PDB file of N, CA and C in Angstrom:
ATOM      1  N   MET A   1      24.692 120.907 147.478  1.00  0.00           N
ATOM      2  CA  MET A   1      24.112 121.394 146.240  1.00  0.00           C
ATOM      3  C   MET A   1      23.043 120.412 145.760  1.00  0.00           C
ATOM      4  N   SER A   2      21.905 120.937 145.412  1.00  0.00           N
ATOM      5  CA  SER A   2      20.825 120.065 144.956  1.00  0.00           C
ATOM      6  C   SER A   2      21.039 119.670 143.497  1.00  0.00           C
ATOM      7  N   VAL A   3      20.506 118.531 143.175  1.00  0.00           N
ATOM      8  CA  VAL A   3      20.591 117.996 141.820  1.00  0.00           C
ATOM      9  C   VAL A   3      19.177 117.733 141.332  1.00  0.00           C
ATOM     10  N   THR A   4      18.909 118.121 140.105  1.00  0.00           N
ATOM     11  CA  THR A   4      17.636 117.818 139.466  1.00  0.00           C
ATOM     12  C   THR A   4      17.917 116.939 138.262  1.00  0.00           C
ATOM     13  N   LEU A   5      17.141 115.886 138.117  1.00  0.00           N
ATOM     14  CA  LEU A   5      17.276 114.990 136.969  1.00  0.00           C
ATOM     15  C   LEU A   5      16.038 115.107 136.094  1.00  0.00           C
ATOM     16  N   LEU A   6      16.254 115.314 134.820  1.00  0.00           N
ATOM     17  CA  LEU A   6      15.201 115.218 133.815  1.00  0.00           C
ATOM     18  C   LEU A   6      15.383 113.850 133.175  1.00  0.00           C
ATOM     19  N   ARG A   7      14.360 113.004 133.312  1.00  0.00           N
ATOM     20  CA  ARG A   7      14.449 111.644 132.801  1.00  0.00           C
ATOM     21  C   ARG A   7      13.370 111.458 131.745  1.00  0.00           C
ATOM     22  N   ILE A   8      13.789 111.088 130.546  1.00  0.00           N
ATOM     23  CA  ILE A   8      12.891 110.836 129.424  1.00  0.00           C
ATOM     24  C   ILE A   8      12.834 109.326 129.238  1.00  0.00           C
ATOM     25  N   VAL A   9      11.642 108.758 129.390  1.00  0.00           N
ATOM     26  CA  VAL A   9      11.481 107.302 129.312  1.00  0.00           C
ATOM     27  C   VAL A   9      10.337 106.961 128.369  1.00  0.00           C
ATOM     28  N   PRO A  10      10.392 105.790 127.746  1.00  0.00           N
ATOM     29  CA  PRO A  10       9.282 105.370 126.876  1.00  0.00           C
ATOM     30  C   PRO A  10       8.039 105.039 127.694  1.00  0.00           C
ATOM     31  N   ALA A  11       6.896 105.224 127.092  1.00  0.00           N
ATOM     32  CA  ALA A  11       5.633 104.893 127.759  1.00  0.00           C
ATOM     33  C   ALA A  11       5.496 103.386 127.974  1.00  0.00           C
ATOM     34  N   ARG A  12       6.076 102.599 127.079  1.00  0.00           N
ATOM     35  CA  ARG A  12       6.051 101.121 127.207  1.00  0.00           C
ATOM     36  C   ARG A  12       7.318 100.664 127.922  1.00  0.00           C
ATOM     37  N   PRO A  13       7.213 100.025 129.064  1.00  0.00           N
ATOM     38  CA  PRO A  13       8.385  99.644 129.852  1.00  0.00           C
ATOM     39  C   PRO A  13       9.359  98.696 129.150  1.00  0.00           C
ATOM     40  N   ASP A  14       8.880  97.871 128.217  1.00  0.00           N
ATOM     41  CA  ASP A  14       9.744  96.876 127.582  1.00  0.00           C
ATOM     42  C   ASP A  14      10.392  97.352 126.287  1.00  0.00           C
ATOM     43  N   TRP A  15      10.147  98.598 125.887  1.00  0.00           N
ATOM     44  CA  TRP A  15      10.605  99.099 124.593  1.00  0.00           C
ATOM     45  C   TRP A  15      12.039  99.636 124.675  1.00  0.00           C
ATOM     46  N   GLN A  16      12.820  99.409 123.615  1.00  0.00           N
ATOM     47  CA  GLN A  16      14.148  99.997 123.474  1.00  0.00           C
ATOM     48  C   GLN A  16      14.317 100.487 122.045  1.00  0.00           C
ATOM     49  N   PRO A  17      14.970 101.649 121.866  1.00  0.00           N
ATOM     50  CA  PRO A  17      15.168 102.211 120.530  1.00  0.00           C
ATOM     51  C   PRO A  17      16.395 101.621 119.839  1.00  0.00           C
ATOM     52  N   THR A  18      16.515 101.951 118.560  1.00  0.00           N
ATOM     53  CA  THR A  18      17.725 101.587 117.827  1.00  0.00           C
ATOM     54  C   THR A  18      18.854 102.530 118.236  1.00  0.00           C
ATOM     55  N   GLU A  19      20.067 102.131 117.986  1.00  0.00           N
ATOM     56  CA  GLU A  19      21.227 102.970 118.310  1.00  0.00           C
ATOM     57  C   GLU A  19      21.197 104.288 117.533  1.00  0.00           C
ATOM     58  N   GLU A  20      20.784 104.229 116.276  1.00  0.00           N
ATOM     59  CA  GLU A  20      20.708 105.444 115.457  1.00  0.00           C
ATOM     60  C   GLU A  20      19.677 106.420 116.011  1.00  0.00           C
ATOM     61  N   ALA A  21      18.540 105.888 116.444  1.00  0.00           N
ATOM     62  CA  ALA A  21      17.492 106.736 117.023  1.00  0.00           C
ATOM     63  C   ALA A  21      17.966 107.371 118.322  1.00  0.00           C
ATOM     64  N   VAL A  22      18.677 106.611 119.140  1.00  0.00           N
ATOM     65  CA  VAL A  22      19.220 107.143 120.396  1.00  0.00           C
ATOM     66  C   VAL A  22      20.174 108.290 120.118  1.00  0.00           C
ATOM     67  N   ASP A  23      21.061 108.113 119.161  1.00  0.00           N
ATOM     68  CA  ASP A  23      22.028 109.161 118.833  1.00  0.00           C
ATOM     69  C   ASP A  23      21.329 110.443 118.389  1.00  0.00           C
ATOM     70  N   ALA A  24      20.320 110.311 117.546  1.00  0.00           N
ATOM     71  CA  ALA A  24      19.590 111.486 117.055  1.00  0.00           C
ATOM     72  C   ALA A  24      18.830 112.173 118.192  1.00  0.00           C
ATOM     73  N   ALA A  25      18.185 111.391 119.047  1.00  0.00           N
ATOM     74  CA  ALA A  25      17.424 111.972 120.155  1.00  0.00           C
ATOM     75  C   ALA A  25      18.352 112.613 121.183  1.00  0.00           C
ATOM     76  N   ALA A  26      19.480 111.994 121.451  1.00  0.00           N
ATOM     77  CA  ALA A  26      20.438 112.561 122.411  1.00  0.00           C
ATOM     78  C   ALA A  26      20.972 113.897 121.908  1.00  0.00           C
ATOM     79  N   GLU A  27      21.263 113.981 120.632  1.00  0.00           N
ATOM     80  CA  GLU A  27      21.737 115.241 120.049  1.00  0.00           C
ATOM     81  C   GLU A  27      20.661 116.325 120.164  1.00  0.00           C
ATOM     82  N   ALA A  28      19.428 115.970 119.876  1.00  0.00           N
ATOM     83  CA  ALA A  28      18.334 116.936 119.981  1.00  0.00           C
ATOM     84  C   ALA A  28      18.133 117.373 121.431  1.00  0.00           C
ATOM     85  N   LEU A  29      18.215 116.441 122.373  1.00  0.00           N
ATOM     86  CA  LEU A  29      18.038 116.776 123.787  1.00  0.00           C
ATOM     87  C   LEU A  29      19.151 117.693 124.278  1.00  0.00           C
ATOM     88  N   ARG A  30      20.365 117.463 123.817  1.00  0.00           N
ATOM     89  CA  ARG A  30      21.478 118.358 124.187  1.00  0.00           C
ATOM     90  C   ARG A  30      21.212 119.784 123.707  1.00  0.00           C
ATOM     91  N   ALA A  31      20.632 119.917 122.540  1.00  0.00           N
ATOM     92  CA  ALA A  31      20.297 121.242 122.014  1.00  0.00           C
ATOM     93  C   ALA A  31      19.164 121.881 122.811  1.00  0.00           C
ATOM     94  N   MET A  32      18.263 121.072 123.355  1.00  0.00           N
ATOM     95  CA  MET A  32      17.141 121.583 124.152  1.00  0.00           C
ATOM     96  C   MET A  32      17.583 122.014 125.555  1.00  0.00           C
ATOM     97  N   CYS A  33      18.662 121.425 126.043  1.00  0.00           N
ATOM     98  CA  CYS A  33      19.167 121.703 127.401  1.00  0.00           C
ATOM     99  C   CYS A  33      20.658 122.029 127.341  1.00  0.00           C
ATOM    100  N   PRO A  34      21.033 123.118 126.648  1.00  0.00           N
ATOM    101  CA  PRO A  34      22.453 123.382 126.422  1.00  0.00           C
ATOM    102  C   PRO A  34      23.256 123.700 127.688  1.00  0.00           C
ATOM    103  N   SER A  35      22.611 124.113 128.759  1.00  0.00           N
ATOM    104  CA  SER A  35      23.330 124.465 129.992  1.00  0.00           C
ATOM    105  C   SER A  35      23.358 123.341 131.019  1.00  0.00           C
ATOM    106  N   ALA A  36      22.905 122.178 130.639  1.00  0.00           N
ATOM    107  CA  ALA A  36      22.862 121.044 131.575  1.00  0.00           C
ATOM    108  C   ALA A  36      24.270 120.630 131.986  1.00  0.00           C
ATOM    109  N   ASP A  37      24.352 120.049 133.179  1.00  0.00           N
ATOM    110  CA  ASP A  37      25.644 119.586 133.687  1.00  0.00           C
ATOM    111  C   ASP A  37      26.112 118.301 133.018  1.00  0.00           C
ATOM    112  N   GLU A  38      25.164 117.410 132.694  1.00  0.00           N
ATOM    113  CA  GLU A  38      25.559 116.087 132.212  1.00  0.00           C
ATOM    114  C   GLU A  38      24.395 115.422 131.483  1.00  0.00           C
ATOM    115  N   PHE A  39      24.725 114.628 130.487  1.00  0.00           N
ATOM    116  CA  PHE A  39      23.738 113.841 129.740  1.00  0.00           C
ATOM    117  C   PHE A  39      24.139 112.371 129.834  1.00  0.00           C
ATOM    118  N   ALA A  40      23.165 111.489 129.928  1.00  0.00           N
ATOM    119  CA  ALA A  40      23.446 110.059 129.951  1.00  0.00           C
ATOM    120  C   ALA A  40      22.372 109.317 129.175  1.00  0.00           C
ATOM    121  N   ILE A  41      22.805 108.297 128.468  1.00  0.00           N
ATOM    122  CA  ILE A  41      21.912 107.352 127.805  1.00  0.00           C
ATOM    123  C   ILE A  41      22.032 106.070 128.608  1.00  0.00           C
ATOM    124  N   VAL A  42      20.906 105.593 129.133  1.00  0.00           N
ATOM    125  CA  VAL A  42      20.944 104.424 130.000  1.00  0.00           C
ATOM    126  C   VAL A  42      20.048 103.340 129.417  1.00  0.00           C
ATOM    127  N   CYS A  43      20.619 102.160 129.234  1.00  0.00           N
ATOM    128  CA  CYS A  43      19.859 101.001 128.770  1.00  0.00           C
ATOM    129  C   CYS A  43      19.967  99.907 129.829  1.00  0.00           C
ATOM    130  N   TYR A  44      18.857  99.253 130.093  1.00  0.00           N
ATOM    131  CA  TYR A  44      18.794  98.193 131.081  1.00  0.00           C
ATOM    132  C   TYR A  44      18.432  96.888 130.381  1.00  0.00           C
ATOM    133  N   ALA A  45      18.906  95.771 130.899  1.00  0.00           N
ATOM    134  CA  ALA A  45      18.607  94.466 130.304  1.00  0.00           C
ATOM    135  C   ALA A  45      17.133  94.100 130.466  1.00  0.00           C
ATOM    136  N   GLU A  46      16.536  94.520 131.559  1.00  0.00           N
ATOM    137  CA  GLU A  46      15.133  94.238 131.867  1.00  0.00           C
ATOM    138  C   GLU A  46      14.447  95.544 132.262  1.00  0.00           C
ATOM    139  N   PRO A  47      13.124  95.613 132.179  1.00  0.00           N
ATOM    140  CA  PRO A  47      12.449  96.805 132.693  1.00  0.00           C
ATOM    141  C   PRO A  47      12.876  97.070 134.142  1.00  0.00           C
ATOM    142  N   THR A  48      13.282  98.295 134.402  1.00  0.00           N
ATOM    143  CA  THR A  48      13.848  98.686 135.687  1.00  0.00           C
ATOM    144  C   THR A  48      13.049  99.845 136.260  1.00  0.00           C
ATOM    145  N   LEU A  49      12.838  99.827 137.556  1.00  0.00           N
ATOM    146  CA  LEU A  49      12.090 100.884 138.224  1.00  0.00           C
ATOM    147  C   LEU A  49      12.793 102.225 138.020  1.00  0.00           C
ATOM    148  N   ILE A  50      12.045 103.203 137.544  1.00  0.00           N
ATOM    149  CA  ILE A  50      12.574 104.544 137.307  1.00  0.00           C
ATOM    150  C   ILE A  50      11.904 105.483 138.311  1.00  0.00           C
ATOM    151  N   ASP A  51      12.605 105.800 139.357  1.00  0.00           N
ATOM    152  CA  ASP A  51      12.149 106.757 140.359  1.00  0.00           C
ATOM    153  C   ASP A  51      10.710 106.521 140.812  1.00  0.00           C
ATOM    154  N   GLU A  52      10.357 105.288 141.046  1.00  0.00           N
ATOM    155  CA  GLU A  52       9.021 104.914 141.540  1.00  0.00           C
ATOM    156  C   GLU A  52       7.875 105.381 140.640  1.00  0.00           C
ATOM    157  N   SER A  53       8.190 105.792 139.419  1.00  0.00           N
ATOM    158  CA  SER A  53       7.154 106.292 138.506  1.00  0.00           C
ATOM    159  C   SER A  53       6.844 105.320 137.391  1.00  0.00           C
ATOM    160  N   GLY A  54       7.391 104.149 137.472  1.00  0.00           N
ATOM    161  CA  GLY A  54       7.180 103.167 136.436  1.00  0.00           C
ATOM    162  C   GLY A  54       8.488 102.494 136.102  1.00  0.00           C
ATOM    163  N   ALA A  55       8.457 101.641 135.115  1.00  0.00           N
ATOM    164  CA  ALA A  55       9.646 100.899 134.715  1.00  0.00           C
ATOM    165  C   ALA A  55       9.992 101.220 133.267  1.00  0.00           C
ATOM    166  N   ALA A  56      11.260 101.018 132.930  1.00  0.00           N
ATOM    167  CA  ALA A  56      11.721 101.237 131.557  1.00  0.00           C
ATOM    168  C   ALA A  56      12.988 100.428 131.323  1.00  0.00           C
ATOM    169  N   ARG A  57      13.254 100.134 130.063  1.00  0.00           N
ATOM    170  CA  ARG A  57      14.519  99.501 129.667  1.00  0.00           C
ATOM    171  C   ARG A  57      15.480 100.523 129.083  1.00  0.00           C
ATOM    172  N   PHE A  58      15.015 101.773 128.961  1.00  0.00           N
ATOM    173  CA  PHE A  58      15.808 102.818 128.319  1.00  0.00           C
ATOM    174  C   PHE A  58      15.426 104.162 128.918  1.00  0.00           C
ATOM    175  N   GLU A  59      16.418 105.032 129.080  1.00  0.00           N
ATOM    176  CA  GLU A  59      16.112 106.413 129.457  1.00  0.00           C
ATOM    177  C   GLU A  59      17.205 107.353 128.949  1.00  0.00           C
ATOM    178  N   LEU A  60      16.790 108.564 128.655  1.00  0.00           N
ATOM    179  CA  LEU A  60      17.706 109.671 128.445  1.00  0.00           C
ATOM    180  C   LEU A  60      17.666 110.473 129.735  1.00  0.00           C
ATOM    181  N   ARG A  61      18.825 110.748 130.312  1.00  0.00           N
ATOM    182  CA  ARG A  61      18.884 111.409 131.613  1.00  0.00           C
ATOM    183  C   ARG A  61      19.715 112.690 131.490  1.00  0.00           C
ATOM    184  N   VAL A  62      19.173 113.780 132.016  1.00  0.00           N
ATOM    185  CA  VAL A  62      19.861 115.076 132.003  1.00  0.00           C
ATOM    186  C   VAL A  62      20.022 115.526 133.449  1.00  0.00           C
ATOM    187  N   ARG A  63      21.258 115.773 133.850  1.00  0.00           N
ATOM    188  CA  ARG A  63      21.532 116.246 135.213  1.00  0.00           C
ATOM    189  C   ARG A  63      21.536 117.761 135.220  1.00  0.00           C
ATOM    190  N   ASN A  64      20.730 118.344 136.089  1.00  0.00           N
ATOM    191  CA  ASN A  64      20.584 119.797 136.208  1.00  0.00           C
ATOM    192  C   ASN A  64      20.337 120.443 134.841  1.00  0.00           C
ATOM    193  N   PRO A  65      19.146 120.230 134.285  1.00  0.00           N
ATOM    194  CA  PRO A  65      18.855 120.724 132.932  1.00  0.00           C
ATOM    195  C   PRO A  65      18.774 122.239 132.819  1.00  0.00           C
ATOM    196  N   ALA A  66      18.752 122.960 133.937  1.00  0.00           N
ATOM    197  CA  ALA A  66      18.720 124.433 133.934  1.00  0.00           C
ATOM    198  C   ALA A  66      17.497 124.991 133.206  1.00  0.00           C
ATOM    199  N   ARG A  67      16.401 124.255 133.322  1.00  0.00           N
ATOM    200  CA  ARG A  67      15.140 124.673 132.713  1.00  0.00           C
ATOM    201  C   ARG A  67      14.018 123.815 133.280  1.00  0.00           C
ATOM    202  N   PRO A  68      12.766 124.242 133.115  1.00  0.00           N
ATOM    203  CA  PRO A  68      11.654 123.391 133.541  1.00  0.00           C
ATOM    204  C   PRO A  68      11.481 122.224 132.566  1.00  0.00           C
ATOM    205  N   ARG A  69      10.402 121.542 132.696  1.00  0.00           N
ATOM    206  CA  ARG A  69      10.107 120.403 131.801  1.00  0.00           C
ATOM    207  C   ARG A  69      10.205 120.796 130.331  1.00  0.00           C
ATOM    208  N   LEU A  70      10.376 119.793 129.497  1.00  0.00           N
ATOM    209  CA  LEU A  70      10.331 120.022 128.055  1.00  0.00           C
ATOM    210  C   LEU A  70       8.914 120.411 127.665  1.00  0.00           C
ATOM    211  N   SER A  71       8.797 121.214 126.634  1.00  0.00           N
ATOM    212  CA  SER A  71       7.477 121.577 126.128  1.00  0.00           C
ATOM    213  C   SER A  71       6.868 120.355 125.439  1.00  0.00           C
ATOM    214  N   PRO A  72       5.546 120.341 125.247  1.00  0.00           N
ATOM    215  CA  PRO A  72       4.933 119.232 124.509  1.00  0.00           C
ATOM    216  C   PRO A  72       5.545 119.058 123.112  1.00  0.00           C
ATOM    217  N   ALA A  73       5.868 120.156 122.450  1.00  0.00           N
ATOM    218  CA  ALA A  73       6.464 120.065 121.112  1.00  0.00           C
ATOM    219  C   ALA A  73       7.859 119.433 121.171  1.00  0.00           C
ATOM    220  N   GLU A  74       8.643 119.783 122.188  1.00  0.00           N
ATOM    221  CA  GLU A  74       9.976 119.188 122.320  1.00  0.00           C
ATOM    222  C   GLU A  74       9.878 117.696 122.617  1.00  0.00           C
ATOM    223  N   LEU A  75       8.961 117.314 123.499  1.00  0.00           N
ATOM    224  CA  LEU A  75       8.789 115.905 123.818  1.00  0.00           C
ATOM    225  C   LEU A  75       8.299 115.130 122.591  1.00  0.00           C
ATOM    226  N   ASP A  76       7.417 115.732 121.806  1.00  0.00           N
ATOM    227  CA  ASP A  76       6.956 115.109 120.556  1.00  0.00           C
ATOM    228  C   ASP A  76       8.099 114.919 119.572  1.00  0.00           C
ATOM    229  N   ARG A  77       9.000 115.893 119.514  1.00  0.00           N
ATOM    230  CA  ARG A  77      10.158 115.780 118.608  1.00  0.00           C
ATOM    231  C   ARG A  77      11.028 114.583 119.002  1.00  0.00           C
ATOM    232  N   LEU A  78      11.298 114.453 120.304  1.00  0.00           N
ATOM    233  CA  LEU A  78      12.089 113.309 120.763  1.00  0.00           C
ATOM    234  C   LEU A  78      11.354 111.999 120.495  1.00  0.00           C
ATOM    235  N   ALA A  79      10.047 111.994 120.697  1.00  0.00           N
ATOM    236  CA  ALA A  79       9.252 110.789 120.437  1.00  0.00           C
ATOM    237  C   ALA A  79       9.332 110.388 118.966  1.00  0.00           C
ATOM    238  N   THR A  80       9.288 111.376 118.090  1.00  0.00           N
ATOM    239  CA  THR A  80       9.396 111.098 116.656  1.00  0.00           C
ATOM    240  C   THR A  80      10.775 110.528 116.320  1.00  0.00           C
ATOM    241  N   LEU A  81      11.822 111.116 116.882  1.00  0.00           N
ATOM    242  CA  LEU A  81      13.188 110.634 116.620  1.00  0.00           C
ATOM    243  C   LEU A  81      13.399 109.216 117.152  1.00  0.00           C
ATOM    244  N   LEU A  82      12.824 108.923 118.307  1.00  0.00           N
ATOM    245  CA  LEU A  82      13.002 107.600 118.905  1.00  0.00           C
ATOM    246  C   LEU A  82      12.025 106.566 118.371  1.00  0.00           C
ATOM    247  N   GLY A  83      10.861 107.026 117.905  1.00  0.00           N
ATOM    248  CA  GLY A  83       9.860 106.107 117.381  1.00  0.00           C
ATOM    249  C   GLY A  83       8.979 105.497 118.457  1.00  0.00           C
ATOM    250  N   ALA A  84       8.748 106.243 119.546  1.00  0.00           N
ATOM    251  CA  ALA A  84       7.907 105.730 120.635  1.00  0.00           C
ATOM    252  C   ALA A  84       7.304 106.885 121.419  1.00  0.00           C
ATOM    253  N   ASP A  85       6.160 106.639 122.028  1.00  0.00           N
ATOM    254  CA  ASP A  85       5.596 107.622 122.947  1.00  0.00           C
ATOM    255  C   ASP A  85       6.487 107.710 124.174  1.00  0.00           C
ATOM    256  N   LEU A  86       6.626 108.922 124.714  1.00  0.00           N
ATOM    257  CA  LEU A  86       7.545 109.152 125.832  1.00  0.00           C
ATOM    258  C   LEU A  86       6.848 109.817 127.004  1.00  0.00           C
ATOM    259  N   ARG A  87       7.459 109.671 128.164  1.00  0.00           N
ATOM    260  CA  ARG A  87       7.071 110.404 129.366  1.00  0.00           C
ATOM    261  C   ARG A  87       8.315 111.112 129.877  1.00  0.00           C
ATOM    262  N   GLN A  88       8.114 112.228 130.565  1.00  0.00           N
ATOM    263  CA  GLN A  88       9.244 112.910 131.181  1.00  0.00           C
ATOM    264  C   GLN A  88       9.015 113.044 132.675  1.00  0.00           C
ATOM    265  N   LEU A  89      10.091 112.898 133.413  1.00  0.00           N
ATOM    266  CA  LEU A  89      10.067 113.026 134.862  1.00  0.00           C
ATOM    267  C   LEU A  89      11.102 114.072 135.237  1.00  0.00           C
ATOM    268  N   LEU A  90      10.712 115.067 135.999  1.00  0.00           N
ATOM    269  CA  LEU A  90      11.649 116.060 136.517  1.00  0.00           C
ATOM    270  C   LEU A  90      11.769 115.787 138.004  1.00  0.00           C
ATOM    271  N   VAL A  91      12.911 115.276 138.429  1.00  0.00           N
ATOM    272  CA  VAL A  91      13.066 114.730 139.761  1.00  0.00           C
ATOM    273  C   VAL A  91      14.144 115.484 140.528  1.00  0.00           C
ATOM    274  N   PRO A  92      13.764 116.235 141.578  1.00  0.00           N
ATOM    275  CA  PRO A  92      14.784 116.822 142.435  1.00  0.00           C
ATOM    276  C   PRO A  92      15.337 115.737 143.360  1.00  0.00           C
ATOM    277  N   SER A  93      16.619 115.813 143.631  1.00  0.00           N
ATOM    278  CA  SER A  93      17.189 114.808 144.548  1.00  0.00           C
ATOM    279  C   SER A  93      18.168 115.448 145.504  1.00  0.00           C
TER     280      SER A  93
END
Protein backbone atom coordinates (compact mmCIF):
# COMPACT_ATOMS: atom_id res chain seq x y z
CA MET A 1 0.00 0.00 0.00
CA SER A 2 1.38 3.38 -0.94
CA VAL A 3 1.73 6.17 1.56
CA THR A 4 1.55 9.88 0.83
CA LEU A 5 2.87 12.44 3.29
CA LEU A 6 1.74 16.05 3.38
CA ARG A 7 4.49 17.95 5.17
CA ILE A 8 4.00 21.57 6.25
CA VAL A 9 7.30 23.26 7.10
CA PRO A 10 8.37 26.85 7.81
CA ALA A 11 10.13 28.76 5.06
CA ARG A 12 12.96 29.58 7.52
CA PRO A 13 14.83 26.40 8.49
CA ASP A 14 15.76 27.63 12.00
CA TRP A 15 12.27 28.77 13.04
CA GLN A 16 10.07 27.01 15.63
CA PRO A 17 6.56 28.02 16.77
CA THR A 18 5.16 28.35 20.25
CA GLU A 19 3.31 25.38 21.74
CA GLU A 20 0.02 27.31 21.63
CA ALA A 21 0.49 28.11 17.94
CA VAL A 22 1.27 24.46 17.18
CA ASP A 23 -1.89 23.31 18.93
CA ALA A 24 -4.05 25.78 17.01
CA ALA A 25 -2.46 24.93 13.65
CA ALA A 26 -2.68 21.18 14.27
CA GLU A 27 -6.39 21.49 15.06
CA ALA A 28 -6.97 23.51 11.89
CA LEU A 29 -4.99 21.02 9.79
CA ARG A 30 -7.03 18.12 11.17
CA ALA A 31 -10.18 19.93 10.05
CA MET A 32 -8.65 20.46 6.58
CA CYS A 33 -7.76 16.75 6.23
CA PRO A 34 -10.49 14.92 8.18
CA SER A 35 -9.97 11.57 6.38
CA ALA A 36 -6.22 11.40 6.94
CA ASP A 37 -4.72 8.29 8.50
CA GLU A 38 -2.43 10.06 10.95
CA PHE A 39 -1.21 13.47 12.10
CA ALA A 40 2.17 14.23 13.68
CA ILE A 41 3.85 17.31 15.08
CA VAL A 42 7.61 16.94 14.73
CA CYS A 43 10.21 19.19 16.33
CA TYR A 44 13.94 18.78 15.79
CA ALA A 45 16.78 20.17 17.92
CA GLU A 46 18.60 21.43 14.82
CA PRO A 47 17.51 22.16 11.25
CA THR A 48 16.95 18.73 9.72
CA LEU A 49 16.73 17.68 6.08
CA ILE A 50 13.08 17.32 5.07
CA ASP A 51 12.74 15.01 2.08
CA GLU A 52 15.66 16.62 0.22
CA SER A 53 13.56 19.79 -0.18
CA GLY A 54 15.24 21.84 2.47
CA ALA A 55 15.71 21.83 6.21
CA ALA A 56 13.42 22.63 9.12
CA ARG A 57 13.28 22.43 12.91
CA PHE A 58 9.51 21.90 12.85
CA GLU A 59 6.92 20.21 10.67
CA LEU A 60 3.28 19.24 10.68
CA ARG A 61 2.98 15.86 8.98
CA VAL A 62 -0.19 14.23 7.62
CA ARG A 63 -0.12 10.59 6.52
CA ASN A 64 -2.41 9.85 3.58
CA PRO A 65 -4.27 13.18 3.62
CA ALA A 66 -6.91 11.86 1.16
CA ARG A 67 -6.75 15.10 -0.81
CA PRO A 68 -4.38 17.09 -3.01
CA ARG A 69 -2.26 19.94 -1.69
CA LEU A 70 -3.75 22.54 0.61
CA SER A 71 -5.22 25.55 -1.14
CA PRO A 72 -3.33 28.86 -0.89
CA ALA A 73 -6.02 30.10 1.52
CA GLU A 74 -5.62 27.04 3.76
CA LEU A 75 -1.84 27.38 3.80
CA ASP A 76 -2.21 31.10 4.62
CA ARG A 77 -4.52 30.21 7.52
CA LEU A 78 -1.92 27.84 8.97
CA ALA A 79 0.79 30.45 8.43
CA THR A 80 -1.27 33.00 10.35
CA LEU A 81 -1.88 30.56 13.22
CA LEU A 82 1.80 29.62 13.42
CA GLY A 83 3.17 33.11 12.78
CA ALA A 84 5.51 32.17 9.92
CA ASP A 85 5.59 31.71 6.18
CA LEU A 86 5.14 28.05 5.26
CA ARG A 87 5.85 25.61 2.47
CA GLN A 88 4.01 22.37 1.78
CA LEU A 89 5.41 19.17 0.37
CA LEU A 90 3.21 16.35 -0.91
CA VAL A 91 5.48 13.32 -0.95
CA PRO A 92 4.51 9.86 -2.20
CA SER A 93 6.58 7.11 -0.63
